Protein backbone atom coordinates (compact mmCIF):
# COMPACT_ATOMS: atom_id res chain seq x y z
CA MET A 1 45.60 90.98 106.49
CA ASP A 2 49.09 92.52 106.38
CA ARG A 3 50.36 89.96 108.88
CA ALA A 4 48.97 87.05 106.85
CA LEU A 5 50.45 88.48 103.66
CA ARG A 6 53.86 88.91 105.29
CA SER A 7 53.74 85.35 106.60
CA ARG A 8 52.97 83.95 103.16
CA LYS A 9 55.73 86.10 101.66
CA SER A 10 58.18 84.88 104.28
CA LEU A 11 57.31 81.22 103.66
CA THR A 12 57.66 81.70 99.91
CA SER A 13 61.07 83.32 100.38
CA LEU A 14 62.28 80.46 102.57
CA LEU A 15 61.14 77.78 100.15
CA THR A 16 62.66 79.62 97.17
CA ALA A 17 65.98 80.12 98.94
CA ALA A 18 66.10 76.49 100.06
CA ILE A 19 65.51 75.30 96.51
CA LEU A 20 68.24 77.66 95.28
CA ILE A 21 70.62 76.22 97.87
CA PHE A 22 70.11 72.68 96.66
CA GLY A 23 69.77 73.85 93.08
CA SER A 24 73.48 74.54 93.13
CA THR A 25 74.55 71.36 94.89
CA ALA A 26 74.26 67.63 94.54
CA ARG A 27 76.41 64.59 94.15
CA ALA A 28 78.94 65.00 91.40
CA ASP A 29 78.27 63.32 88.07
CA VAL A 30 81.13 60.83 88.27
CA PRO A 31 81.89 58.25 85.60
CA GLU A 32 81.93 54.64 86.73
CA THR A 33 85.11 53.76 84.89
CA ALA A 34 88.23 55.13 86.47
CA VAL A 35 90.70 56.87 84.22
CA ALA A 36 94.19 55.46 84.25
CA PRO A 37 96.73 57.78 85.86
CA MET A 38 99.05 59.68 83.57
CA PRO A 39 102.45 58.05 83.25
CA GLN A 40 105.25 59.85 85.01
CA ALA A 41 108.52 60.60 83.35
CA ALA A 42 111.10 57.97 84.14
CA SER A 43 113.91 59.22 86.34
CA GLU A 44 117.54 58.63 85.45
CA PRO A 45 118.99 55.49 87.05
CA ALA A 46 121.17 56.10 90.06
CA ALA A 47 124.84 55.29 89.89
CA PRO A 48 125.65 51.82 91.30
CA ALA A 49 128.09 53.27 93.81
CA GLU A 50 125.48 55.48 95.48
CA PRO A 51 123.52 54.15 98.49
CA GLU A 52 119.96 53.06 97.93
CA GLN A 53 117.51 55.97 98.02
CA LEU A 54 114.19 55.79 99.83
CA PRO A 55 111.29 56.26 97.41
CA ALA A 56 109.61 59.66 97.43
CA PRO A 57 106.03 59.82 98.66
CA GLU A 58 103.47 59.05 96.03
CA ALA A 59 102.18 62.14 94.24
CA PRO A 60 98.61 63.09 95.00
CA SER A 61 96.03 62.29 92.40
CA GLY A 62 95.25 65.10 90.02
CA THR A 63 92.46 67.43 90.94
CA PRO A 64 89.77 67.89 88.30
CA SER A 65 89.47 71.05 86.25
CA TYR A 66 87.95 73.75 88.43
CA LEU A 67 86.11 75.27 85.49
CA ALA A 68 84.46 71.91 84.86
CA ASP A 69 83.66 71.58 88.57
CA ILE A 70 81.96 74.97 88.63
CA GLY A 71 79.84 74.00 85.66
CA ARG A 72 78.86 70.68 87.23
CA TYR A 73 78.12 72.33 90.57
CA PHE A 74 75.67 74.93 89.28
CA THR A 75 73.99 72.57 86.80
CA ALA A 76 73.70 69.68 89.26
CA PRO A 77 69.86 69.69 89.42
CA PHE A 78 69.72 68.49 85.81
CA ARG A 79 71.39 65.26 86.99
CA TRP A 80 69.45 64.73 90.21
CA ASP A 81 68.01 61.35 91.08
CA ARG A 82 65.34 60.48 93.64
CA ARG A 83 67.82 60.50 96.50
CA ASP A 84 68.90 64.04 95.67
CA TRP A 85 65.29 65.23 95.51
CA ALA A 86 64.61 63.55 98.85
CA TRP A 87 67.53 65.42 100.42
CA CYS A 88 66.28 68.67 98.90
CA GLY A 89 62.83 68.11 100.37
CA GLY A 90 64.31 67.32 103.76
CA ALA A 91 66.35 70.52 103.70
CA VAL A 92 63.30 72.60 102.83
CA LEU A 93 61.40 71.09 105.76
CA ALA A 94 64.33 71.61 108.15
CA ILE A 95 64.72 75.27 107.16
CA GLY A 96 60.98 75.86 107.44
CA LEU A 97 60.87 74.24 110.88
CA ALA A 98 63.84 76.31 112.04
CA HIS A 99 62.10 79.46 110.79
CA ARG A 100 59.17 78.60 113.04
CA TYR A 101 61.49 79.03 116.05
CA ASP A 102 63.57 81.99 114.83
CA ARG A 103 61.91 84.48 117.15
CA GLN A 104 62.02 82.17 120.19
CA VAL A 105 65.75 81.50 119.78
CA ARG A 106 66.53 85.21 119.48
CA THR A 107 64.40 85.94 122.56
CA HIS A 108 66.30 83.24 124.49
CA PHE A 109 69.62 84.97 123.89
CA PHE A 110 68.65 88.66 123.82
CA GLY A 111 65.07 89.09 124.96
CA ALA A 112 62.14 90.41 122.95
CA GLY A 113 63.33 94.00 122.62
CA PRO A 114 65.64 95.55 120.00
CA THR A 115 69.41 95.30 120.32
CA GLN A 116 71.87 97.92 119.22
CA ASN A 117 75.63 97.88 118.67
CA VAL A 118 76.00 94.16 119.36
CA ASN A 119 79.44 92.85 118.37
CA SER A 120 78.77 89.92 116.05
CA GLU A 121 82.35 88.61 116.48
CA ASP A 122 82.74 87.81 112.79
CA THR A 123 86.51 87.27 112.91
CA LYS A 124 86.48 85.32 116.17
CA ASP A 125 83.78 82.95 114.93
CA ALA A 126 85.77 82.22 111.75
CA ILE A 127 88.98 81.20 113.55
CA PRO A 128 88.07 77.53 114.28
CA THR A 129 87.19 76.84 110.64
CA ALA A 130 90.35 78.56 109.43
CA ALA A 131 92.40 76.58 111.94
CA VAL A 132 91.01 73.23 110.75
CA PHE A 133 91.58 74.14 107.10
CA GLY A 134 95.09 75.44 107.73
CA GLY A 135 95.97 72.51 109.98
CA THR A 136 94.93 70.01 107.31
CA TRP A 137 97.18 71.62 104.74
CA ALA A 138 100.07 72.05 107.18
CA PHE A 139 99.96 68.37 108.10
CA ALA A 140 99.76 67.32 104.44
CA LEU A 141 102.72 69.49 103.45
CA LEU A 142 104.79 68.47 106.47
CA MET A 143 104.17 64.75 106.00
CA ARG A 144 104.01 64.94 102.19
CA ASP A 145 100.85 62.88 102.50
CA ARG A 146 98.85 62.12 99.34
CA ASP A 147 95.56 61.68 101.17
CA GLY A 148 96.16 64.90 103.07
CA TYR A 149 96.62 66.85 99.84
CA ARG A 150 93.40 65.44 98.46
CA GLU A 151 91.51 66.24 101.65
CA GLY A 152 92.84 69.79 101.59
CA TRP A 153 91.78 70.28 97.97
CA ALA A 154 88.29 69.01 98.81
CA MET A 155 88.03 71.45 101.71
CA ALA A 156 89.17 74.34 99.54
CA GLU A 157 86.72 73.55 96.74
CA ALA A 158 83.78 72.95 99.08
CA ALA A 159 84.45 76.20 100.93
CA ALA A 160 84.85 78.22 97.72
CA LEU A 161 81.76 76.89 95.93
CA SER A 162 79.50 77.08 98.97
CA GLY A 163 80.83 80.53 99.87
CA VAL A 164 80.00 81.97 96.46
CA THR A 165 76.51 80.47 96.65
CA ALA A 166 75.98 81.79 100.18
CA TYR A 167 76.85 85.35 99.18
CA ALA A 168 74.63 85.15 96.10
CA LEU A 169 71.73 84.06 98.31
CA LYS A 170 72.45 86.83 100.80
CA PHE A 171 72.04 89.50 98.15
CA ALA A 172 69.10 87.74 96.51
CA THR A 173 67.05 87.37 99.72
CA GLY A 174 68.08 90.58 101.47
CA ARG A 175 67.04 89.31 104.89
CA GLN A 176 67.81 91.54 107.85
CA THR A 177 69.79 90.15 110.78
CA PRO A 178 68.36 89.82 114.31
CA GLU A 179 70.61 92.73 115.25
CA GLN A 180 68.74 94.93 112.78
CA THR A 181 65.17 93.86 113.52
CA THR A 182 63.10 91.85 115.99
CA SER A 183 61.07 90.26 113.16
CA PRO A 184 62.42 87.19 111.32
CA ASN A 185 60.25 88.04 108.30
CA GLU A 186 62.10 91.11 107.05
CA TRP A 187 63.11 89.91 103.57
CA PHE A 188 64.30 91.96 100.58
CA ARG A 189 65.39 94.81 102.86
CA SER A 190 69.07 95.04 101.85
CA GLY A 191 70.06 92.66 104.65
CA THR A 192 72.73 89.95 104.52
CA SER A 193 71.43 87.43 107.04
CA PHE A 194 70.35 84.40 104.96
CA PRO A 195 72.19 82.06 104.93
CA SER A 196 74.93 82.23 107.54
CA PHE A 197 78.29 82.38 105.76
CA HIS A 198 80.18 81.20 108.86
CA SER A 199 77.90 78.16 109.26
CA THR A 200 78.21 77.39 105.56
CA GLU A 201 82.00 77.39 105.63
CA ALA A 202 82.23 75.52 108.94
CA PHE A 203 80.01 72.70 107.70
CA ALA A 204 81.76 72.61 104.30
CA VAL A 205 85.20 72.17 105.89
CA GLY A 206 83.91 70.07 108.78
CA THR A 207 82.04 67.60 106.58
CA VAL A 208 85.17 66.93 104.52
CA LEU A 209 87.07 66.33 107.77
CA ALA A 210 84.29 64.04 109.02
CA GLU A 211 83.88 61.90 105.93
CA SER A 212 87.41 61.75 104.46
CA GLY A 213 90.19 59.36 105.39
CA ASN A 214 89.90 55.76 106.51
CA ASP A 215 87.43 54.40 109.04
CA ASP A 216 89.94 53.87 111.85
CA TYR A 217 89.09 57.23 113.42
CA ARG A 218 85.71 57.83 111.81
CA PHE A 219 83.90 58.53 115.08
CA LEU A 220 86.51 61.07 116.15
CA ARG A 221 86.54 62.68 112.71
CA ARG A 222 82.77 63.08 112.71
CA LEU A 223 82.77 64.39 116.25
CA LEU A 224 85.30 67.07 115.35
CA GLY A 225 83.96 67.83 111.86
CA TYR A 226 80.27 68.17 112.60
CA GLY A 227 81.07 69.61 116.02
CA LEU A 228 82.89 72.44 114.24
CA GLY A 229 79.75 73.28 112.26
CA ILE A 230 77.41 73.04 115.24
CA ALA A 231 79.66 75.09 117.54
CA THR A 232 80.12 77.80 114.91
CA SER A 233 76.38 78.01 114.30
CA TYR A 234 75.73 78.29 118.04
CA GLU A 235 78.21 81.15 118.31
CA ARG A 236 76.48 83.01 115.47
CA LEU A 237 73.17 82.74 117.32
CA LYS A 238 74.79 83.70 120.61
CA HIS A 239 76.35 86.80 119.04
CA ASN A 240 73.01 87.85 117.50
CA ALA A 241 74.45 87.68 114.00
CA HIS A 242 71.89 85.27 112.49
CA TRP A 243 68.49 83.67 112.85
CA LEU A 244 68.24 79.95 113.53
CA SER A 245 67.00 79.26 109.99
CA ASP A 246 70.07 81.11 108.61
CA THR A 247 72.37 78.61 110.30
CA VAL A 248 70.28 75.60 109.23
CA ALA A 249 70.38 76.80 105.62
CA GLY A 250 74.15 77.30 105.92
CA ALA A 251 74.53 73.76 107.25
CA ALA A 252 72.56 72.32 104.33
CA LEU A 253 74.59 74.30 101.82
CA GLY A 254 77.95 73.44 103.39
CA ILE A 255 77.25 69.72 103.78
CA SER A 256 75.93 69.26 100.24
CA SER A 257 78.85 71.26 98.77
CA ALA A 258 81.32 69.13 100.73
CA HIS A 259 79.85 65.91 99.35
CA PHE A 260 80.01 67.35 95.83
CA ALA A 261 83.69 68.21 96.29
CA MET A 262 84.51 64.81 97.79
CA ASP A 263 82.78 63.01 94.92
CA ARG A 264 84.90 65.01 92.48
CA ARG A 265 88.09 64.59 94.49
CA TYR A 266 87.94 60.85 95.18
CA ALA A 267 86.46 59.61 91.88
CA THR A 268 86.96 61.96 89.00
CA ASP A 269 87.31 62.30 85.28
CA ASP A 270 90.89 63.42 84.95
CA ALA A 271 90.78 64.76 81.42
CA SER A 272 92.47 67.87 82.78
CA HIS A 273 93.70 68.48 86.26
CA LEU A 274 95.90 70.31 88.69
CA ALA A 275 98.34 68.35 90.82
CA LEU A 276 100.63 69.17 93.73
CA VAL A 277 103.61 66.87 93.18
CA PRO A 278 106.24 66.38 95.90
CA ILE A 279 109.79 66.91 94.69
CA ALA A 280 113.15 67.07 96.42
CA GLY A 281 113.10 70.02 98.79
CA GLY A 282 109.45 70.99 98.32
CA ALA A 283 106.48 70.57 96.00
CA MET A 284 105.58 71.55 92.45
CA LEU A 285 102.14 72.64 91.19
CA THR A 286 101.42 71.16 87.75
CA TYR A 287 98.53 71.31 85.28
CA SER A 288 98.02 68.64 82.64
CA VAL A 289 95.52 68.12 79.84
CA SER A 290 94.77 64.78 78.18
CA MET A 291 94.01 65.26 74.50
CA PRO A 292 91.53 62.84 72.82
């Protein structure tokens, strides 16, 4: 009887957590009509005697208000359509299926017995994601590339929003890690296993890398982007830091958050926005508000 009760409790916890994951994410509510860019101040004409100057790189499009983005992100279910609900249902099924094999995956790496003092390699497993994020920004700043700035902003927003959600779910579910217990059904025990934060961030950053930019290198981008998420998740399992279902939930959260951020970044309502504008010798961070 206790085993059946614990199984039902575990299934209920998984379904609730999966719904919470997708309850905070969906496609951004983007208006169909693009807003005209704000006019830039006219520069003083150069003296006729001076040589012709090369034009400065085009300034990146303004990023939408982060306060507005946070509101849209956590109220996204109120704007869901059938496609969003279909994705939510698919995520629930994927997490539930992964939970079915949690114990087998742990046994594959560490056997059926308890493990003690296993180094989960938290810092090491975060390095690839940090390298991709930092490399994107370094390239954008070095080349003063408008698309690079926008891609970097999307990565930052996806990582921040999904990271906050992941930590909220960790404390809400309280699932113990495979290092703490041999049972994948230890919920509400002051654990921090569900979902995997590293998987969440890797898929958030990796999905933006995979789906941004033009289609010339789409295959390579997807190979690197989704490969980053898969490799990071594998390392978390290998280091006994998470259950398989933790990494699947992190993937769902990271991917959906990345698509939200890209929808906001590439087609937005620019009533108020931040912008990183290239200027001579560097860049300037600006914030503008359009009054009705």
